[in-house]
């Protein structure tokens, strides 16, 4: 008998040192407890003796009403299969608080194979369940943020995700205007409207409520009892109407250390936060910070875009006025230069002067036109048509126009045989001619002495035709190619006497894009360059 008592005591000592509830109960309607260790009091608040023989209450009576049926079903199925069972469900402790528990057990059977009793263990997994809910809520909020939801919707999702985990908690997000030092409503769906209106525009301060203090000090302000805390004295009248008694507020701080607002939690009874609640509040505060900072960055981008658009409009207006102011006198100067050229009695030296004046004026006029084209392109106001064009015809026209310039520079030009009606592209006739003349002009200007310019036409990728213009110039290195289409960047201008503004290729590339095609270059330093233009087949 003594040996049995010692063994029983050793067993009980061993069981009591194992975390969690260990039990043995009858397989009756109420699961009458035959044994349950003292850890049940730690989790439920009820003494172990209350459950033995169901003297005061049964374990089944503290299972959450919504979970009783599923627990019965899982246990019964396992008993019938003579298999172990495991299940997670909720219980309600002596203070009315809900706990999530994990239970694992199995039935013991008699000699006839009939179930005699259940043995099992039960662990409190509330913390894990809470963390899972926090994680799930965070993912939901981040998804809304990724989808570009309005800030108000994202902040409300943050608030509701926390309130879903702790239903007695009422949360709010306030936004701080750093210029005025005032707080404004971000989201508080379950606080009374009259309360939100009363604290709208609240000036932050070291001793101003919970949110005003948290925003001012950049540290959490936890008020266990609003009615007795000095920070809340000026707000007692309005807060008494709400029935709120506790308020814990955390500052929302950006990565740069700037206070963006506050995340606050209210309770209708005096209390301090538990560890799991603090973890949830920290996560919510971080999510609110991400959302608020993103909105601030978006607003900054919008303002920057507006400033850029205003500057671009001012530039376009200036260029338009400049165009008028320059074109009028330029046309007059060029007109008089042509009149001098037609005067047969004028001395040859003055005729040459008049031609120089005309050429200089024409160059300046072309520069003005190019700048205006670039301005239209940047403003998105350049319009192009799309008609079917015979490539052979337009190349022949450009060839005839540019040939005199090529001859003057001792450059030989050739077009590989292209038959009329062989290739057709969709393009704007005027703009296509502008691109081709620019490419041909460059091929002549940047060629070597007595060099060649070859023009080729071929099918490119499906649905496109490529026009290639190859020269025998110095070619381009990788650094030069990377800067080739940068406005006003004249590559190697310090090493050449070739005139130009550095915008012709930029305009040509943009025009090609507008016509649904593309423009590029293949080049190696010392081996010339091939500029190509691709357009859609008509």
Protein backbone atom coordinates (compact mmCIF):
# COMPACT_ATOMS: atom_id res chain seq x y z
CA UNK A 1 0.00 0.00 0.00
CA UNK A 2 2.83 2.38 0.91
CA UNK A 3 4.64 1.55 -2.33
CA UNK A 4 1.44 2.31 -4.30
CA UNK A 5 1.08 5.68 -2.53
CA UNK A 6 4.69 6.59 -3.32
CA UNK A 7 4.20 5.68 -6.98
CA UNK A 8 0.99 7.75 -7.12
CA UNK A 9 2.73 10.75 -5.56
CA UNK A 10 5.65 10.48 -7.99
CA UNK A 11 3.19 10.29 -10.91
CA UNK A 12 1.30 13.37 -9.72
CA UNK A 13 4.59 15.26 -9.20
CA UNK A 14 5.65 14.37 -12.72
CA UNK A 15 2.30 15.40 -14.22
CA UNK A 16 2.18 18.72 -12.38
CA UNK A 17 5.56 19.67 -13.85
CA UNK A 18 4.35 19.17 -17.40
CA UNK A 19 2.95 22.40 -18.94
CA UNK A 20 -0.67 22.16 -20.02
CA UNK A 21 -3.76 20.34 -18.82
CA UNK A 22 -3.54 16.54 -18.41
CA UNK A 23 -6.81 14.75 -17.87
CA UNK A 24 -8.66 11.45 -17.76
CA UNK A 25 -12.41 11.52 -18.20
CA UNK A 26 -15.32 9.16 -18.61
CA UNK A 27 -16.92 8.67 -22.00
CA UNK A 28 -20.31 9.92 -20.87
CA UNK A 29 -22.51 12.78 -21.99
CA UNK A 30 -20.73 15.34 -19.79
CA UNK A 31 -17.20 13.91 -20.01
CA UNK A 32 -17.05 13.46 -16.25
CA UNK A 33 -13.51 14.15 -15.06
CA UNK A 34 -11.79 11.38 -13.13
CA UNK A 35 -8.47 13.17 -13.05
CA UNK A 36 -7.24 16.65 -14.13
CA UNK A 37 -4.02 18.35 -13.07
CA UNK A 38 -3.74 21.72 -11.38
CA UNK A 39 -2.56 23.55 -14.52
CA UNK A 40 -6.22 23.76 -15.49
CA UNK A 41 -6.52 26.62 -13.01
CA UNK A 42 -3.69 28.54 -14.75
CA UNK A 43 -5.54 28.41 -18.07
CA UNK A 44 -9.20 28.54 -17.02
CA UNK A 45 -9.15 30.27 -13.63
CA UNK A 46 -11.13 27.35 -12.14
CA UNK A 47 -9.68 24.94 -9.56
CA UNK A 48 -8.99 21.37 -10.60
CA UNK A 49 -11.32 20.14 -7.83
CA UNK A 50 -14.23 21.95 -9.53
CA UNK A 51 -14.01 19.49 -12.43
CA UNK A 52 -13.36 16.20 -10.58
CA UNK A 53 -16.58 14.23 -10.79
CA UNK A 54 -18.07 17.38 -12.33
CA UNK A 55 -18.66 18.46 -8.74
CA UNK A 56 -19.10 22.16 -9.57
CA UNK A 57 -18.82 22.31 -13.38
CA UNK A 58 -17.98 20.07 -16.29
CA UNK A 59 -15.15 20.74 -18.68
CA UNK A 60 -17.72 20.62 -21.49
CA UNK A 61 -19.47 23.62 -19.91
CA UNK A 62 -16.50 25.95 -20.53
CA UNK A 63 -16.12 25.05 -24.22
CA UNK A 64 -17.25 27.91 -26.45
CA UNK A 65 -20.88 27.25 -27.47
CA UNK A 66 -19.99 27.52 -31.18
CA UNK A 67 -17.31 24.83 -30.84
CA UNK A 68 -19.10 22.16 -28.73
CA UNK A 69 -20.58 20.29 -31.70
CA UNK A 70 -17.32 20.02 -33.65
CA UNK A 71 -15.40 18.82 -30.56
CA UNK A 72 -18.03 16.10 -29.95
CA UNK A 73 -17.88 15.06 -33.59
CA UNK A 74 -14.06 14.82 -33.77
CA UNK A 75 -13.76 12.85 -30.51
CA UNK A 76 -16.61 10.46 -31.40
CA UNK A 77 -15.13 9.74 -34.83
CA UNK A 78 -11.70 8.97 -33.35
CA UNK A 79 -13.17 6.71 -30.67
CA UNK A 80 -15.13 4.73 -33.28
CA UNK A 81 -11.96 4.28 -35.37
CA UNK A 82 -9.86 3.50 -32.27
CA UNK A 83 -7.54 6.28 -33.35
CA UNK A 84 -6.01 9.28 -31.58
CA UNK A 85 -7.57 12.69 -32.11
CA UNK A 86 -6.38 16.30 -32.11
CA UNK A 87 -8.39 19.49 -32.40
CA UNK A 88 -8.18 23.22 -31.77
CA UNK A 89 -11.14 25.01 -30.23
CA UNK A 90 -12.07 27.80 -27.82
CA UNK A 91 -12.81 27.79 -24.12
CA UNK A 92 -14.11 30.59 -21.88
CA UNK A 93 -12.24 31.21 -18.60
CA UNK A 94 -13.61 32.33 -15.25
CA UNK A 95 -13.32 36.01 -16.26
CA UNK A 96 -15.16 35.53 -19.53
CA UNK A 97 -11.99 35.70 -21.62
CA UNK A 98 -11.70 33.41 -24.63
CA UNK A 99 -8.69 31.10 -25.04
CA UNK A 100 -7.72 28.97 -27.99
CA UNK A 101 -6.57 25.48 -26.91
CA UNK A 102 -5.06 22.49 -28.68
CA UNK A 103 -6.21 19.08 -27.41
CA UNK A 104 -4.67 15.70 -28.22
CA UNK A 105 -5.97 12.42 -26.79
CA UNK A 106 -7.22 8.93 -27.35
CA UNK A 107 -9.60 6.45 -25.79
CA UNK A 108 -8.63 3.43 -23.66
CA UNK A 109 -10.61 0.24 -24.34
CA UNK A 110 -11.56 -2.68 -22.06
CA UNK A 111 -11.06 -6.39 -22.72
CA UNK A 112 -14.15 -6.48 -24.92
CA UNK A 113 -12.92 -3.60 -27.04
CA UNK A 114 -15.40 -1.09 -25.65
CA UNK A 115 -14.13 2.46 -24.95
CA UNK A 116 -13.66 2.95 -21.21
CA UNK A 117 -12.26 6.45 -20.79
CA UNK A 118 -10.32 9.25 -22.51
CA UNK A 119 -6.76 10.32 -21.73
CA UNK A 120 -5.40 13.54 -23.16
CA UNK A 121 -3.51 16.79 -22.89
CA UNK A 122 -4.66 20.36 -23.56
CA UNK A 123 -2.37 23.33 -24.31
CA UNK A 124 -3.20 27.03 -24.45
CA UNK A 125 -2.34 28.20 -28.00
CA UNK A 126 -3.96 31.62 -27.76
CA UNK A 127 -0.70 33.46 -28.40
CA UNK A 128 -0.01 31.47 -31.57
CA UNK A 129 -3.58 31.97 -32.78
CA UNK A 130 -3.33 35.70 -32.11
CA UNK A 131 -0.06 35.96 -34.03
CA UNK A 132 -1.62 34.04 -36.94
CA UNK A 133 -4.53 36.49 -36.98
CA UNK A 134 -2.16 39.43 -36.82
CA UNK A 135 -0.22 38.00 -39.76
CA UNK A 136 -3.39 37.33 -41.73
CA UNK A 137 -4.66 40.85 -41.07
CA UNK A 138 -1.31 42.30 -42.12
CA UNK A 139 -1.39 40.40 -45.42
CA UNK A 140 -4.92 41.67 -46.08
CA UNK A 141 -3.85 45.27 -45.45
CA UNK A 142 -0.72 44.92 -47.59
CA UNK A 143 -2.83 43.47 -50.40
CA UNK A 144 -5.11 46.53 -50.32
CA UNK A 145 -2.04 48.75 -50.30
CA UNK A 146 -0.51 46.90 -53.27
CA UNK A 147 -3.77 47.27 -55.21
CA UNK A 148 -3.63 51.03 -54.78
CA UNK A 149 -6.61 51.39 -52.42
CA UNK A 150 -7.24 54.92 -51.05
CA UNK A 151 -5.44 55.76 -47.80
CA UNK A 152 -8.74 55.98 -45.90
CA UNK A 153 -9.65 52.41 -46.94
CA UNK A 154 -6.23 51.04 -46.02
CA UNK A 155 -6.25 52.69 -42.58
CA UNK A 156 -9.77 51.42 -41.92
CA UNK A 157 -8.58 47.91 -42.86
CA UNK A 158 -5.74 48.27 -40.32
CA UNK A 159 -8.21 49.29 -37.61
CA UNK A 160 -10.71 46.53 -38.37
CA UNK A 161 -8.01 43.84 -38.54
CA UNK A 162 -7.03 44.61 -34.94
CA UNK A 163 -10.61 44.92 -33.71
CA UNK A 164 -11.38 41.51 -35.22
CA UNK A 165 -8.70 39.93 -33.01
CA UNK A 166 -9.77 41.82 -29.88
CA UNK A 167 -13.51 42.57 -30.29
CA UNK A 168 -13.68 44.71 -27.11
CA UNK A 169 -11.00 47.03 -28.46
CA UNK A 170 -11.95 50.21 -30.38
CA UNK A 171 -9.16 51.58 -32.54
CA UNK A 172 -8.38 54.77 -34.42
CA UNK A 173 -5.69 56.26 -36.65
CA UNK A 174 -5.01 60.00 -36.53
CA UNK A 175 -2.83 61.83 -39.07
CA UNK A 176 -0.42 64.56 -38.00
CA UNK A 177 -0.03 67.80 -39.95
CA UNK A 178 3.55 68.63 -39.02
CA UNK A 179 3.23 72.24 -40.16
CA UNK A 180 0.36 73.04 -37.80
CA UNK A 181 1.10 70.37 -35.20
CA UNK A 182 -2.53 69.22 -35.31
CA UNK A 183 -4.06 65.74 -35.53
CA UNK A 184 -6.75 64.87 -38.07
CA UNK A 185 -8.98 61.83 -38.47
CA UNK A 186 -7.56 59.00 -40.56
CA UNK A 187 -9.85 56.12 -39.59
CA UNK A 188 -12.05 55.40 -36.57
CA UNK A 189 -15.12 53.49 -37.84
CA UNK A 190 -16.40 52.49 -34.39
CA UNK A 191 -15.79 55.64 -32.38
CA UNK A 192 -18.82 57.97 -32.05
CA UNK A 193 -18.97 60.75 -34.63
CA UNK A 194 -19.33 63.40 -31.93
CA UNK A 195 -16.08 62.19 -30.35
CA UNK A 196 -14.19 62.22 -33.66
CA UNK A 197 -15.49 65.73 -34.35
CA UNK A 198 -14.46 66.91 -30.88
CA UNK A 199 -10.81 65.84 -31.26
CA UNK A 200 -10.50 66.87 -34.94
CA UNK A 201 -7.61 69.32 -35.29
CA UNK A 202 -6.29 68.53 -31.79
CA UNK A 203 -3.02 70.35 -31.09
CA UNK A 204 -0.39 67.88 -29.90
CA UNK A 205 1.43 68.42 -26.61
CA UNK A 206 3.32 66.60 -23.88
CA UNK A 207 0.22 66.26 -21.68
CA UNK A 208 -2.56 66.26 -24.29
CA UNK A 209 -4.60 63.08 -23.89
CA UNK A 210 -2.96 59.89 -25.16
CA UNK A 211 -2.63 60.64 -28.89
CA UNK A 212 -1.48 64.24 -28.48
CA UNK A 213 1.16 63.12 -25.99
CA UNK A 214 2.32 60.14 -28.09
CA UNK A 215 2.72 62.31 -31.21
CA UNK A 216 4.54 65.04 -29.27
CA UNK A 217 6.95 62.79 -27.32
CA UNK A 218 7.39 60.18 -30.09
CA UNK A 219 6.80 57.47 -27.48
CA UNK A 220 3.75 55.33 -26.57
CA UNK A 221 1.34 56.88 -24.09
CA UNK A 222 -0.54 54.17 -22.18
CA UNK A 223 -3.39 55.47 -20.00
CA UNK A 224 -4.92 52.67 -17.89
CA UNK A 225 -7.77 54.81 -16.57
CA UNK A 226 -8.86 57.89 -18.48
CA UNK A 227 -10.98 59.28 -15.65
CA UNK A 228 -8.05 59.54 -13.23
CA UNK A 229 -5.22 60.50 -15.59
CA UNK A 230 -4.23 64.21 -15.70
CA UNK A 231 -3.68 64.13 -19.48
CA UNK A 232 -7.40 63.53 -19.97
CA UNK A 233 -8.74 66.12 -17.54
CA UNK A 234 -9.63 68.65 -20.31
CA UNK A 235 -11.57 65.95 -22.17
CA UNK A 236 -13.47 64.31 -19.29
CA UNK A 237 -16.85 65.67 -20.33
CA UNK A 238 -16.72 64.39 -23.92
CA UNK A 239 -15.04 61.08 -23.05
CA UNK A 240 -17.58 60.37 -20.29
CA UNK A 241 -20.33 60.32 -22.93
CA UNK A 242 -18.49 57.54 -24.81
CA UNK A 243 -17.99 55.25 -21.81
CA UNK A 244 -14.30 54.84 -22.74
CA UNK A 245 -11.98 54.20 -19.79
CA UNK A 246 -8.57 53.20 -21.19
CA UNK A 247 -6.56 54.54 -24.13
CA UNK A 248 -3.21 53.32 -25.37
CA UNK A 249 -1.68 55.39 -28.15
CA UNK A 250 1.45 54.67 -30.19
CA UNK A 251 3.12 57.21 -32.50
CA UNK A 252 3.32 56.32 -36.19
CA UNK A 253 6.87 57.23 -37.22
CA UNK A 254 8.41 57.23 -40.71
CA UNK A 255 11.72 55.60 -41.62
CA UNK A 256 13.25 59.10 -41.42
CA UNK A 257 12.02 59.57 -37.85
CA UNK A 258 9.16 61.94 -38.71
CA UNK A 259 5.89 61.51 -36.79
CA UNK A 260 3.11 60.76 -39.26
CA UNK A 261 0.25 60.23 -36.81
CA UNK A 262 -0.93 57.90 -34.04
CA UNK A 263 -2.56 54.50 -33.65
CA UNK A 264 -4.81 54.35 -30.57
CA UNK A 265 -6.73 51.56 -28.80
CA UNK A 266 -9.65 52.28 -26.47
CA UNK A 267 -11.37 50.03 -23.91
CA UNK A 268 -14.56 50.57 -21.95
CA UNK A 269 -12.95 49.34 -18.75
CA UNK A 270 -9.70 50.40 -17.04
CA UNK A 271 -6.84 48.08 -18.01
CA UNK A 272 -3.27 47.79 -19.25
CA UNK A 273 -2.22 46.08 -22.51
CA UNK A 274 -1.08 42.45 -22.55
CA UNK A 275 2.01 41.31 -24.43
CA UNK A 276 0.02 39.93 -27.38
CA UNK A 277 -1.92 43.21 -27.65
CA UNK A 278 1.30 45.21 -27.67
CA UNK A 279 2.57 43.02 -30.51
CA UNK A 280 -0.64 43.59 -32.47
CA UNK A 281 -0.51 47.36 -31.89
CA UNK A 282 3.12 47.49 -33.06
CA UNK A 283 2.22 45.64 -36.26
CA UNK A 284 -0.77 47.90 -36.88
CA UNK A 285 1.33 51.00 -36.24
CA UNK A 286 3.94 49.84 -38.77
CA UNK A 287 1.25 49.11 -41.39
CA UNK A 288 -0.34 52.51 -40.83
CA UNK A 289 3.09 54.10 -41.23
CA UNK A 290 3.70 52.34 -44.55
CA UNK A 291 0.31 53.47 -45.85
CA UNK A 292 0.65 57.08 -44.68
CA UNK A 293 4.21 57.42 -45.98
CA UNK A 294 3.21 55.95 -49.33
CA UNK A 295 0.38 58.48 -49.62
CA UNK A 296 2.82 61.28 -48.75
CA UNK A 297 5.23 60.08 -51.44
CA UNK A 298 2.40 59.85 -53.98
CA UNK A 299 1.30 63.40 -53.16
CA UNK A 300 4.89 64.60 -53.51
CA UNK A 301 5.10 62.92 -56.93
CA UNK A 302 1.81 64.51 -57.98
CA UNK A 303 3.04 67.95 -56.92
CA UNK A 304 6.34 67.35 -58.71
CA UNK A 305 4.46 66.29 -61.83
CA UNK A 306 2.26 69.39 -61.63
CA UNK A 307 5.34 71.60 -61.28
CA UNK A 308 6.96 69.85 -64.24
CA UNK A 309 3.81 70.26 -66.32
CA UNK A 310 3.61 73.94 -65.43
CA UNK A 311 7.28 74.39 -66.32
CA UNK A 312 6.76 72.49 -69.57
CA UNK A 313 3.75 74.64 -70.43
CA UNK A 314 5.73 77.78 -69.68
CA UNK A 315 8.53 76.49 -71.90
CA UNK A 316 6.09 75.66 -74.70
CA UNK A 317 4.47 79.09 -74.43
CA UNK A 318 7.88 80.74 -74.51
CA UNK A 319 9.02 78.71 -77.52
CA UNK A 320 5.80 79.47 -79.34
CA UNK A 321 6.25 83.21 -78.79
CA UNK A 322 9.94 82.94 -79.60
CA UNK A 323 9.07 81.12 -82.81
CA UNK A 324 6.87 83.99 -83.93
CA UNK A 325 9.37 86.64 -82.85
CA UNK A 326 12.27 84.91 -84.62
CA UNK A 327 10.56 83.62 -87.74
CA UNK A 328 9.23 87.02 -88.78
CA UNK A 329 12.60 88.84 -88.92
CA UNK A 330 14.35 85.70 -90.21
CA UNK A 331 11.99 85.45 -93.15
CA UNK A 332 12.56 89.14 -93.89
CA UNK A 333 16.36 88.73 -93.70
CA UNK A 334 16.30 85.65 -95.92
CA UNK A 335 13.95 87.35 -98.37
CA UNK A 336 16.24 90.36 -98.77
CA UNK A 337 19.26 88.03 -99.13
CA UNK A 338 17.49 86.29 -102.03
CA UNK A 339 16.73 89.65 -103.65
CA UNK A 340 20.41 90.58 -103.53
CA UNK A 341 21.24 87.21 -105.11
CA UNK A 342 18.89 88.00 -108.01
CA UNK A 343 20.42 91.42 -108.64
CA UNK A 344 22.55 90.90 -111.77
CA UNK A 345 24.31 94.23 -111.33
CA UNK A 346 25.51 93.49 -107.82
CA UNK A 347 29.22 92.89 -107.27
CA UNK A 348 30.05 89.18 -106.90
CA UNK A 349 31.50 89.64 -103.42
CA UNK A 350 28.21 91.09 -102.18
CA UNK A 351 26.30 88.26 -103.84
CA UNK A 352 28.48 85.84 -101.86
CA UNK A 353 27.75 87.79 -98.68
CA UNK A 354 24.01 87.60 -99.38
CA UNK A 355 24.26 83.83 -99.83
CA UNK A 356 26.07 83.51 -96.50
CA UNK A 357 23.32 85.57 -94.86
CA UNK A 358 20.66 83.36 -96.43
CA UNK A 359 22.38 80.12 -95.40
CA UNK A 360 22.91 81.34 -91.83
CA UNK A 361 19.28 82.47 -91.60
CA UNK A 362 18.09 79.16 -93.02
CA UNK A 363 20.20 77.25 -90.47
CA UNK A 364 18.77 79.32 -87.63
CA UNK A 365 15.23 78.83 -88.93
CA UNK A 366 15.76 75.08 -89.07
CA UNK A 367 17.05 75.16 -85.49
CA UNK A 368 13.94 77.05 -84.36
CA UNK A 369 11.72 74.49 -86.13
CA UNK A 370 13.61 71.58 -84.50
CA UNK A 371 13.26 73.09 -81.02
CA UNK A 372 9.55 73.59 -81.57
CA UNK A 373 9.17 69.99 -82.76
CA UNK A 374 10.99 68.72 -79.68
CA UNK A 375 8.81 70.89 -77.45
CA UNK A 376 5.64 69.48 -79.04
CA UNK A 377 6.91 65.93 -78.61
CA UNK A 378 7.76 66.46 -74.92
CA UNK A 379 4.34 68.06 -74.33
CA UNK A 380 2.60 65.14 -76.08
CA UNK A 381 1.12 67.50 -78.67
CA UNK A 382 2.90 66.20 -81.77
CA UNK A 383 0.39 64.66 -84.15
CA UNK A 384 1.30 62.29 -86.98
CA UNK A 385 -0.79 60.73 -89.72
CA UNK A 386 -0.61 57.12 -90.89
CA UNK A 387 -0.88 56.47 -94.62
CA UNK A 388 0.56 53.91 -96.99
CA UNK A 389 3.86 55.13 -98.49
CA UNK A 390 5.96 53.57 -101.26
CA UNK A 391 9.46 53.31 -99.77
CA UNK A 392 11.21 53.44 -103.17
CA UNK A 393 9.50 56.71 -104.10
CA UNK A 394 10.27 58.56 -100.87
CA UNK A 395 13.90 57.33 -100.84
CA UNK A 396 14.37 58.54 -104.41
CA UNK A 397 12.96 61.94 -103.46
CA UNK A 398 15.26 62.22 -100.44
CA UNK A 399 18.24 61.01 -102.48
CA UNK A 400 17.72 63.71 -105.10
CA UNK A 401 17.35 66.37 -102.42
CA UNK A 402 20.50 65.43 -100.50
CA UNK A 403 22.77 64.48 -103.43
CA UNK A 404 24.10 68.02 -104.02
CA UNK A 405 25.16 68.21 -100.37
CA UNK A 406 26.87 64.81 -100.68
CA UNK A 407 28.71 65.95 -103.82
CA UNK A 408 29.91 69.10 -102.12
CA UNK A 409 31.42 66.94 -99.36
CA UNK A 410 32.92 64.37 -101.81
CA UNK A 411 30.64 61.60 -100.47
CA UNK A 412 29.40 58.82 -102.77
CA UNK A 413 25.81 57.73 -102.21
CA UNK A 414 24.07 54.56 -103.36
CA UNK A 415 20.64 52.98 -102.95
CA UNK A 416 20.57 49.21 -103.22
CA UNK A 417 18.02 48.33 -105.91
CA UNK A 418 14.49 48.89 -104.59
CA UNK A 419 11.63 48.53 -107.05
CA UNK A 420 8.61 50.77 -106.95
CA UNK A 421 5.60 49.15 -105.25
CA UNK A 422 7.94 46.59 -103.62
CA UNK A 423 7.85 47.93 -100.05
CA UNK A 424 5.06 49.95 -98.44
CA UNK A 425 5.04 51.34 -94.89
CA UNK A 426 2.51 53.10 -92.69
CA UNK A 427 3.81 56.56 -91.82
CA UNK A 428 3.34 60.31 -91.96
CA UNK A 429 4.90 61.39 -95.31
CA UNK A 430 6.25 64.71 -94.01
CA UNK A 431 7.70 63.24 -90.81
CA UNK A 432 9.17 60.19 -92.59
CA UNK A 433 10.97 62.49 -95.02
CA UNK A 434 12.18 64.55 -92.03
CA UNK A 435 13.69 61.44 -90.40
CA UNK A 436 15.35 60.17 -93.58
CA UNK A 437 16.86 63.55 -94.45
CA UNK A 438 18.21 63.88 -90.90
CA UNK A 439 19.84 60.45 -91.05
CA UNK A 440 21.27 61.06 -94.53
CA UNK A 441 22.51 64.52 -93.55
CA UNK A 442 24.30 63.06 -90.50
CA UNK A 443 25.79 60.22 -92.57
CA UNK A 444 27.32 62.79 -94.92
CA UNK A 445 28.47 65.25 -92.26
CA UNK A 446 30.11 62.66 -90.00
CA UNK A 447 31.62 60.55 -92.77
CA UNK A 448 35.30 60.23 -93.61
CA UNK A 449 36.87 62.08 -96.53
CA UNK A 450 35.72 60.57 -99.86
CA UNK A 451 33.51 58.16 -97.91
CA UNK A 452 30.36 56.29 -98.88
CA UNK A 453 26.74 56.26 -97.73
CA UNK A 454 24.75 53.10 -98.53
CA UNK A 455 20.95 52.90 -98.25
CA UNK A 456 19.33 49.47 -97.87
CA UNK A 457 15.73 48.31 -97.48
CA UNK A 458 14.69 44.88 -96.21
CA UNK A 459 12.01 43.04 -94.27
CA UNK A 460 12.72 43.14 -90.55
CA UNK A 461 10.78 41.38 -87.80
CA UNK A 462 7.31 40.17 -88.84
CA UNK A 463 5.13 43.08 -89.95
CA UNK A 464 7.96 45.62 -90.18
CA UNK A 465 10.31 47.00 -92.86
CA UNK A 466 13.79 48.30 -92.04
CA UNK A 467 15.55 51.17 -93.85
CA UNK A 468 19.29 51.21 -93.07
CA UNK A 469 21.74 54.05 -93.73
CA UNK A 470 25.42 53.11 -93.40
CA UNK A 471 28.39 55.49 -93.34
CA UNK A 472 32.18 55.07 -93.16
CA UNK A 473 32.73 57.55 -90.35
CA UNK A 474 34.58 57.19 -87.04
CA UNK A 475 31.88 55.05 -85.45
CA UNK A 476 30.69 55.18 -81.83
CA UNK A 477 31.92 53.58 -78.62
CA UNK A 478 29.51 52.19 -75.99
CA UNK A 479 29.54 55.38 -73.91
CA UNK A 480 28.68 57.49 -76.95
CA UNK A 481 25.88 55.14 -77.97
CA UNK A 482 24.35 55.40 -74.50
CA UNK A 483 24.16 59.22 -74.86
CA UNK A 484 23.23 59.31 -78.54
CA UNK A 485 19.56 60.17 -78.03
CA UNK A 486 20.07 62.73 -75.24
CA UNK A 487 18.79 66.20 -76.25
CA UNK A 488 21.46 68.81 -76.94
CA UNK A 489 24.30 66.34 -76.27
CA UNK A 490 26.55 66.69 -79.33
CA UNK A 491 28.93 63.76 -79.06
CA UNK A 492 32.52 64.75 -79.81
CA UNK A 493 31.53 68.32 -80.69
CA UNK A 494 34.87 69.50 -79.32
CA UNK A 495 36.69 67.37 -81.93
CA UNK A 496 34.74 68.37 -85.04
CA UNK A 497 33.70 71.51 -86.92
CA UNK A 498 30.36 69.97 -87.93
CA UNK A 499 27.48 72.26 -86.97
CA UNK A 500 24.30 71.13 -85.25
CA UNK A 501 22.26 71.44 -82.05
CA UNK A 502 22.18 67.81 -80.94
CA UNK A 503 18.41 67.33 -81.21
CA UNK A 504 17.88 65.95 -84.72
CA UNK A 505 18.28 62.30 -83.70
CA UNK A 506 16.15 62.82 -80.59
CA UNK A 507 13.32 64.21 -82.73
CA UNK A 508 13.74 61.42 -85.31
CA UNK A 509 13.58 58.67 -82.69
CA UNK A 510 10.46 60.14 -81.10
CA UNK A 511 8.78 60.59 -84.48
CA UNK A 512 9.56 56.96 -85.34
CA UNK A 513 7.97 55.86 -82.04
CA UNK A 514 4.90 58.00 -82.67
CA UNK A 515 4.45 56.28 -86.02
CA UNK A 516 4.53 52.87 -84.33
CA UNK A 517 8.10 52.06 -85.33
CA UNK A 518 11.57 52.48 -83.93
CA UNK A 519 14.99 53.97 -84.62
CA UNK A 520 18.37 52.66 -83.51
CA UNK A 521 22.05 52.32 -84.35
CA UNK A 522 24.64 49.59 -84.82
CA UNK A 523 28.17 50.93 -84.54
CA UNK A 524 31.70 50.14 -83.46
CA UNK A 525 34.43 52.67 -82.84
CA UNK A 526 36.52 53.02 -86.00
CA UNK A 527 34.13 51.02 -88.21
CA UNK A 528 31.42 53.48 -89.17
CA UNK A 529 27.74 53.42 -88.16
CA UNK A 530 24.47 52.01 -89.45
CA UNK A 531 21.37 53.92 -88.41
CA UNK A 532 18.16 52.00 -89.03
CA UNK A 533 14.50 52.96 -89.11
CA UNK A 534 11.77 50.32 -88.70
CA UNK A 535 8.16 51.00 -89.67
CA UNK A 536 5.02 48.90 -89.87
CA UNK A 537 4.29 47.23 -93.19
CA UNK A 538 1.31 48.75 -94.95
